[in-house]
Amino acid sequence: MRDLFLDGLPILDALEVGASTAMAARWLNCDQSSISRTYRQASQQLGLNFQKHNGTYNASGNLDLLNSLRQASQLRRLSSQGHLLQWVLHPEVSVLLPLNLLRPWIKAPLACHWPQPFRLVDLLQRRLVDLALIPEALGPELIDQGPVAVMVMPLAADTTATDLRPAAVVHPDLHGHPCIDQVLEELQSLLM
């Protein structure tokens, strides 16, 4: 493995979000054997005990180190002006967005099954996901997930039914971040 931070951590993130080596390989554009080999090496070198349990991948060791690496990784992604942004797209919103028209500087959304609201909030809080696009009607359900805070921002004017209008969900620390705002402006232009 070339670099734990640049090569290993994105694979750990993709596995934890996507829950399969096939989805991680598709999103990272590599083969499944590379995904498996790299996540095992990263887990061993960092003492993470990263493995699949009850259908999801996660670490059970050295979590403070992993959280620090994820925060640094998110800062790196956000300084890339959208090239590395990790975002997810609710299936109902994907119908509204012509992703083939996204500009090349915006990376495609993570390949994953849509997470339950509590899981999505967790992914945002732990900085595995920078941005989620959801139907606006799901916003209150995300906000009601307890003491964990997220920001829900409508993306489109009142031209469609509320349950179909898209909204962006971000960690409060990212609200107003120039990279996030730039990506949201691009997505809004596709919705018009």
Protein backbone atom coordinates (compact mmCIF):
# COMPACT_ATOMS: atom_id res chain seq x y z
CA MET A 1 0.00 0.00 0.00
CA ARG A 2 1.43 3.37 -0.97
CA ASP A 3 -0.03 5.57 1.78
CA LEU A 4 -2.36 4.86 4.70
CA PHE A 5 -3.90 8.33 4.59
CA LEU A 6 -4.28 8.80 0.84
CA ASP A 7 -5.01 5.20 -0.15
CA GLY A 8 -6.17 3.29 2.93
CA LEU A 9 -8.55 5.75 4.57
CA PRO A 10 -10.74 6.34 1.49
CA ILE A 11 -11.18 2.57 1.21
CA LEU A 12 -12.16 2.27 4.89
CA ASP A 13 -14.64 5.13 4.40
CA ALA A 14 -16.11 3.63 1.23
CA LEU A 15 -16.54 0.25 2.92
CA GLU A 16 -18.17 1.76 5.97
CA VAL A 17 -20.59 3.82 3.88
CA GLY A 18 -21.24 1.30 1.10
CA ALA A 19 -21.09 -1.88 3.21
CA SER A 20 -19.56 -4.03 0.45
CA THR A 21 -16.28 -4.42 -1.36
CA ALA A 22 -18.19 -4.35 -4.68
CA MET A 23 -19.68 -0.90 -3.97
CA ALA A 24 -16.36 0.43 -2.68
CA ALA A 25 -14.56 -0.89 -5.77
CA ARG A 26 -17.13 0.69 -8.08
CA TRP A 27 -16.91 4.08 -6.37
CA LEU A 28 -13.11 4.07 -6.15
CA ASN A 29 -12.69 2.59 -9.63
CA CYS A 30 -10.53 -0.37 -8.63
CA ASP A 31 -10.93 -4.10 -8.18
CA GLN A 32 -12.42 -5.84 -5.15
CA SER A 33 -9.24 -7.72 -4.30
CA SER A 34 -7.36 -4.40 -3.98
CA ILE A 35 -10.11 -3.13 -1.69
CA SER A 36 -9.91 -6.21 0.54
CA ARG A 37 -6.12 -6.25 0.65
CA THR A 38 -5.81 -2.53 1.39
CA TYR A 39 -8.45 -2.36 4.11
CA ARG A 40 -6.86 -5.33 5.90
CA GLN A 41 -3.40 -3.73 5.71
CA ALA A 42 -4.69 -0.36 6.93
CA SER A 43 -6.63 -2.00 9.74
CA GLN A 44 -3.60 -3.97 10.88
CA GLN A 45 -1.12 -1.07 10.63
CA LEU A 46 -3.41 1.31 12.54
CA GLY A 47 -4.72 -1.25 15.02
CA LEU A 48 -8.33 -0.58 14.02
CA ASN A 49 -9.77 -4.11 14.06
CA PHE A 50 -11.81 -3.01 11.02
CA GLN A 51 -14.22 -5.75 9.93
CA LYS A 52 -17.75 -6.49 8.80
CA HIS A 53 -20.26 -7.10 11.57
CA ASN A 54 -24.07 -7.31 11.20
CA GLY A 55 -23.88 -6.21 7.57
CA THR A 56 -21.71 -3.12 8.04
CA TYR A 57 -17.97 -2.49 8.19
CA ASN A 58 -16.57 -0.60 11.16
CA ALA A 59 -13.57 -0.29 13.42
CA SER A 60 -13.55 -1.35 17.03
CA GLY A 61 -9.99 -0.35 17.94
CA ASN A 62 -7.95 2.85 18.03
CA LEU A 63 -11.06 4.97 17.35
CA ASP A 64 -9.49 8.27 18.49
CA LEU A 65 -6.79 7.88 15.84
CA LEU A 66 -9.37 6.98 13.18
CA ASN A 67 -11.54 9.98 14.10
CA SER A 68 -8.53 12.31 13.85
CA LEU A 69 -7.57 10.87 10.47
CA ARG A 70 -11.13 11.29 9.22
CA GLN A 71 -11.24 14.92 10.32
CA ALA A 72 -7.93 15.59 8.54
CA SER A 73 -9.19 13.71 5.47
CA GLN A 74 -12.36 15.80 5.37
CA LEU A 75 -10.32 19.01 5.55
CA ARG A 76 -8.22 17.73 2.65
CA ARG A 77 -11.33 16.85 0.61
CA LEU A 78 -12.88 20.26 1.24
CA SER A 79 -9.73 22.04 0.14
CA SER A 80 -9.95 20.23 -3.21
CA GLN A 81 -12.91 22.34 -4.44
CA GLY A 82 -15.25 19.39 -4.90
CA HIS A 83 -12.88 16.97 -6.62
CA LEU A 84 -12.83 14.62 -3.64
CA LEU A 85 -16.12 15.43 -1.91
CA GLN A 86 -17.81 12.38 -0.39
CA TRP A 87 -21.56 12.73 -0.77
CA VAL A 88 -24.62 10.54 -0.95
CA LEU A 89 -27.81 10.95 -2.91
CA HIS A 90 -31.26 9.73 -1.84
CA PRO A 91 -32.85 7.60 -4.63
CA GLU A 92 -35.87 9.92 -4.88
CA VAL A 93 -33.62 12.95 -5.40
CA SER A 94 -31.46 11.12 -7.94
CA VAL A 95 -34.50 11.07 -10.25
CA LEU A 96 -34.55 14.90 -10.17
CA LEU A 97 -30.83 15.41 -10.78
CA PRO A 98 -29.34 14.71 -14.20
CA LEU A 99 -25.98 13.47 -12.82
CA ASN A 100 -24.61 13.09 -16.33
CA LEU A 101 -24.64 16.90 -16.50
CA LEU A 102 -22.49 17.35 -13.39
CA ARG A 103 -19.33 19.21 -14.16
CA PRO A 104 -16.19 17.06 -14.08
CA TRP A 105 -14.88 18.80 -10.95
CA ILE A 106 -17.66 17.21 -8.86
CA LYS A 107 -17.01 13.58 -8.01
CA ALA A 108 -19.98 11.23 -8.40
CA PRO A 109 -21.94 10.36 -5.23
CA LEU A 110 -20.87 7.39 -3.13
CA ALA A 111 -22.36 4.10 -4.26
CA CYS A 112 -24.40 2.84 -1.33
CA HIS A 113 -27.77 1.63 -0.21
CA TRP A 114 -29.61 4.55 1.32
CA PRO A 115 -28.84 4.58 5.06
CA GLN A 116 -31.48 4.84 7.77
CA PRO A 117 -31.80 8.39 9.18
CA PHE A 118 -29.81 7.62 12.35
CA ARG A 119 -27.07 6.02 10.22
CA LEU A 120 -26.90 9.00 7.85
CA VAL A 121 -26.56 11.42 10.77
CA ASP A 122 -23.82 9.19 12.19
CA LEU A 123 -21.94 9.19 8.86
CA LEU A 124 -22.12 12.99 8.70
CA GLN A 125 -21.03 13.38 12.33
CA ARG A 126 -18.08 11.02 11.95
CA ARG A 127 -17.05 12.86 8.76
CA LEU A 128 -17.31 9.87 6.43
CA VAL A 129 -19.84 11.81 4.36
CA ASP A 130 -19.55 15.55 3.67
CA LEU A 131 -22.97 16.13 2.13
CA ALA A 132 -26.24 14.27 1.63
CA LEU A 133 -29.07 15.20 -0.72
CA ILE A 134 -32.48 14.11 0.53
CA PRO A 135 -36.14 14.87 -0.14
CA GLU A 136 -36.93 17.95 1.95
CA ALA A 137 -39.76 16.06 3.68
CA LEU A 138 -37.19 13.78 5.36
CA GLY A 139 -35.41 16.74 6.99
CA PRO A 140 -37.41 16.74 10.25
CA GLU A 141 -36.75 13.01 10.66
CA LEU A 142 -33.00 13.63 10.47
CA ILE A 143 -33.13 16.57 12.85
CA ASP A 144 -35.06 14.43 15.37
CA GLN A 145 -32.20 11.95 15.72
CA GLY A 146 -31.34 13.21 19.20
CA PRO A 147 -28.50 15.40 20.43
CA VAL A 148 -26.55 15.03 17.18
CA ALA A 149 -26.95 18.14 15.05
CA VAL A 150 -27.18 18.41 11.27
CA MET A 151 -28.10 21.32 9.03
CA VAL A 152 -30.90 20.77 6.49
CA MET A 153 -31.07 23.36 3.71
CA PRO A 154 -33.72 23.38 0.94
CA LEU A 155 -32.20 23.48 -2.55
CA ALA A 156 -35.10 24.34 -4.84
CA ALA A 157 -37.87 26.90 -4.97
CA ASP A 158 -41.47 25.95 -4.18
CA THR A 159 -42.05 24.66 -7.68
CA THR A 160 -42.64 21.04 -6.72
CA ALA A 161 -44.39 19.16 -3.95
CA THR A 162 -42.56 19.36 -0.60
CA ASP A 163 -41.86 15.64 -0.52
CA LEU A 164 -40.04 15.89 -3.86
CA ARG A 165 -38.08 19.09 -3.23
CA PRO A 166 -34.43 18.27 -2.53
CA ALA A 167 -32.54 19.49 0.51
CA ALA A 168 -28.89 19.33 1.45
CA VAL A 169 -27.77 17.89 4.78
CA VAL A 170 -24.37 18.75 6.25
CA HIS A 171 -22.55 18.72 9.56
CA PRO A 172 -23.04 22.15 11.22
CA ASP A 173 -19.28 22.82 10.98
CA LEU A 174 -19.57 22.67 7.18
CA HIS A 175 -22.52 25.05 6.82
CA GLY A 176 -21.30 27.91 4.66
CA HIS A 177 -18.00 26.24 3.74
CA PRO A 178 -16.92 27.58 0.31
CA CYS A 179 -16.45 24.10 -1.21
CA ILE A 180 -19.86 22.88 0.00
CA ASP A 181 -21.50 26.12 -1.20
CA GLN A 182 -19.88 25.78 -4.62
CA VAL A 183 -21.12 22.20 -5.02
CA LEU A 184 -24.62 23.18 -3.81
CA GLU A 185 -24.76 26.03 -6.34
CA GLU A 186 -23.86 23.60 -9.12
CA LEU A 187 -26.52 21.12 -7.94
CA GLN A 188 -29.13 23.89 -7.67
CA SER A 189 -28.40 24.93 -11.26
CA LEU A 190 -29.19 21.38 -12.37
CA LEU A 191 -32.52 21.52 -10.57
CA MET A 192 -33.72 24.61 -12.39
